Amino acid sequence: MFSCEEVLATLGAYLDDEATADVRHQIEEHLTHCRTCEVMYDSAKKTLKIVTDSGVFEVPSALSESLVNKTMSRIRLGETDHSPD
């Protein structure tokens, strides 16, 4: 049976129906026994539905630039600083 880490690593492919039959079986088996992963799966599935049902939306360029800059800054910081936030 898959571990929680394996489920989380393959959850995207599972949700996109791109996982092999064996991987799908392993994930489904794990979800029947692990409430934490079941909640993660359910949350991810609901989030995808909300995002896809909402259609396309524009993010103001100032906001998107700010998000990209913050993300890149965190990535660069993570490369040199492995301490928790």
C-alpha atoms as a PDB file:
ATOM      1  CA  MET A   1       0.000   0.000   0.000  1.00  0.00           C
ATOM      2  CA  PHE A   2       1.218   3.534  -0.806  1.00  0.00           C
ATOM      3  CA  SER A   3       2.531   5.774   1.952  1.00  0.00           C
ATOM      4  CA  CYS A   4       1.111   9.266   2.500  1.00  0.00           C
ATOM      5  CA  GLU A   5       4.141  10.726   0.700  1.00  0.00           C
ATOM      6  CA  GLU A   6       3.545   8.504  -2.326  1.00  0.00           C
ATOM      7  CA  VAL A   7      -0.129   9.465  -2.425  1.00  0.00           C
ATOM      8  CA  LEU A   8       0.694  13.174  -2.289  1.00  0.00           C
ATOM      9  CA  ALA A   9       3.378  12.766  -4.956  1.00  0.00           C
ATOM     10  CA  THR A  10       0.950  11.082  -7.371  1.00  0.00           C
ATOM     11  CA  LEU A  11      -2.266  12.874  -6.454  1.00  0.00           C
ATOM     12  CA  GLY A  12      -2.009  15.326  -9.353  1.00  0.00           C
ATOM     13  CA  ALA A  13      -1.803  12.534 -11.906  1.00  0.00           C
ATOM     14  CA  TYR A  14      -4.673  10.753 -10.161  1.00  0.00           C
ATOM     15  CA  LEU A  15      -6.879  13.849 -10.255  1.00  0.00           C
ATOM     16  CA  ASP A  16      -6.007  14.426 -13.924  1.00  0.00           C
ATOM     17  CA  ASP A  17      -6.845  10.779 -14.769  1.00  0.00           C
ATOM     18  CA  GLU A  18      -3.247  10.275 -15.894  1.00  0.00           C
ATOM     19  CA  ALA A  19      -2.245   7.686 -13.280  1.00  0.00           C
ATOM     20  CA  THR A  20      -1.792   4.058 -14.270  1.00  0.00           C
ATOM     21  CA  ALA A  21      -4.368   1.523 -13.152  1.00  0.00           C
ATOM     22  CA  ASP A  22      -1.953   0.174 -10.532  1.00  0.00           C
ATOM     23  CA  VAL A  23      -1.250   3.654  -9.121  1.00  0.00           C
ATOM     24  CA  ARG A  24      -4.983   4.438  -9.062  1.00  0.00           C
ATOM     25  CA  HIS A  25      -5.619   1.217  -7.151  1.00  0.00           C
ATOM     26  CA  GLN A  26      -2.826   1.964  -4.659  1.00  0.00           C
ATOM     27  CA  ILE A  27      -4.125   5.498  -4.041  1.00  0.00           C
ATOM     28  CA  GLU A  28      -7.726   4.344  -3.649  1.00  0.00           C
ATOM     29  CA  GLU A  29      -6.635   1.619  -1.224  1.00  0.00           C
ATOM     30  CA  HIS A  30      -4.655   4.150   0.813  1.00  0.00           C
ATOM     31  CA  LEU A  31      -7.564   6.623   0.877  1.00  0.00           C
ATOM     32  CA  THR A  32      -9.847   4.009   2.436  1.00  0.00           C
ATOM     33  CA  HIS A  33      -7.469   3.740   5.407  1.00  0.00           C
ATOM     34  CA  CYS A  34      -6.050   7.267   5.790  1.00  0.00           C
ATOM     35  CA  ARG A  35      -8.374  10.081   6.792  1.00  0.00           C
ATOM     36  CA  THR A  36      -5.661  12.729   6.353  1.00  0.00           C
ATOM     37  CA  CYS A  37      -5.018  11.823   2.717  1.00  0.00           C
ATOM     38  CA  GLU A  38      -8.737  11.440   2.099  1.00  0.00           C
ATOM     39  CA  VAL A  39      -9.253  15.030   3.285  1.00  0.00           C
ATOM     40  CA  MET A  40      -6.330  16.230   1.125  1.00  0.00           C
ATOM     41  CA  TYR A  41      -7.802  14.457  -1.911  1.00  0.00           C
ATOM     42  CA  ASP A  42     -11.285  15.819  -1.257  1.00  0.00           C
ATOM     43  CA  SER A  43      -9.952  19.361  -0.772  1.00  0.00           C
ATOM     44  CA  ALA A  44      -7.856  19.214  -3.941  1.00  0.00           C
ATOM     45  CA  LYS A  45     -10.789  17.843  -5.934  1.00  0.00           C
ATOM     46  CA  LYS A  46     -13.127  20.579  -4.665  1.00  0.00           C
ATOM     47  CA  THR A  47     -10.528  23.286  -5.316  1.00  0.00           C
ATOM     48  CA  LEU A  48     -10.072  22.100  -8.905  1.00  0.00           C
ATOM     49  CA  LYS A  49     -13.826  22.145  -9.409  1.00  0.00           C
ATOM     50  CA  ILE A  50     -14.131  25.686  -8.057  1.00  0.00           C
ATOM     51  CA  VAL A  51     -11.262  26.929 -10.215  1.00  0.00           C
ATOM     52  CA  THR A  52     -12.456  25.247 -13.390  1.00  0.00           C
ATOM     53  CA  ASP A  53     -16.088  26.264 -12.839  1.00  0.00           C
ATOM     54  CA  SER A  54     -15.146  29.911 -12.244  1.00  0.00           C
ATOM     55  CA  GLY A  55     -13.741  30.342 -15.742  1.00  0.00           C
ATOM     56  CA  VAL A  56     -10.870  32.572 -16.723  1.00  0.00           C
ATOM     57  CA  PHE A  57     -10.132  35.633 -14.673  1.00  0.00           C
ATOM     58  CA  GLU A  58      -7.507  38.347 -14.887  1.00  0.00           C
ATOM     59  CA  VAL A  59      -5.101  39.096 -12.081  1.00  0.00           C
ATOM     60  CA  PRO A  60      -4.035  42.747 -12.055  1.00  0.00           C
ATOM     61  CA  SER A  61      -0.449  43.029 -13.308  1.00  0.00           C
ATOM     62  CA  ALA A  62       0.740  44.785 -10.136  1.00  0.00           C
ATOM     63  CA  LEU A  63      -0.572  41.907  -8.041  1.00  0.00           C
ATOM     64  CA  SER A  64       0.818  39.213 -10.318  1.00  0.00           C
ATOM     65  CA  GLU A  65       4.249  40.920 -10.357  1.00  0.00           C
ATOM     66  CA  SER A  66       4.183  41.124  -6.569  1.00  0.00           C
ATOM     67  CA  LEU A  67       3.290  37.438  -6.262  1.00  0.00           C
ATOM     68  CA  VAL A  68       6.003  36.387  -8.697  1.00  0.00           C
ATOM     69  CA  ASN A  69       8.605  38.532  -6.918  1.00  0.00           C
ATOM     70  CA  LYS A  70       7.642  37.168  -3.486  1.00  0.00           C
ATOM     71  CA  THR A  71       7.643  33.597  -4.768  1.00  0.00           C
ATOM     72  CA  MET A  72      11.034  33.960  -6.430  1.00  0.00           C
ATOM     73  CA  SER A  73      12.428  35.622  -3.308  1.00  0.00           C
ATOM     74  CA  ARG A  74      11.214  32.698  -1.179  1.00  0.00           C
ATOM     75  CA  ILE A  75      12.713  30.220  -3.628  1.00  0.00           C
ATOM     76  CA  ARG A  76      16.079  31.982  -3.557  1.00  0.00           C
ATOM     77  CA  LEU A  77      15.927  32.195   0.245  1.00  0.00           C
ATOM     78  CA  GLY A  78      15.096  28.487   0.401  1.00  0.00           C
ATOM     79  CA  GLU A  79      18.203  27.701  -1.619  1.00  0.00           C
ATOM     80  CA  THR A  80      20.415  29.195   1.077  1.00  0.00           C
ATOM     81  CA  ASP A  81      18.300  29.036   4.228  1.00  0.00           C
ATOM     82  CA  HIS A  82      16.692  25.774   5.213  1.00  0.00           C
ATOM     83  CA  SER A  83      15.235  27.029   8.479  1.00  0.00           C
ATOM     84  CA  PRO A  84      11.439  26.966   9.007  1.00  0.00           C
ATOM     85  CA  ASP A  85       9.412  30.183   8.726  1.00  0.00           C
END
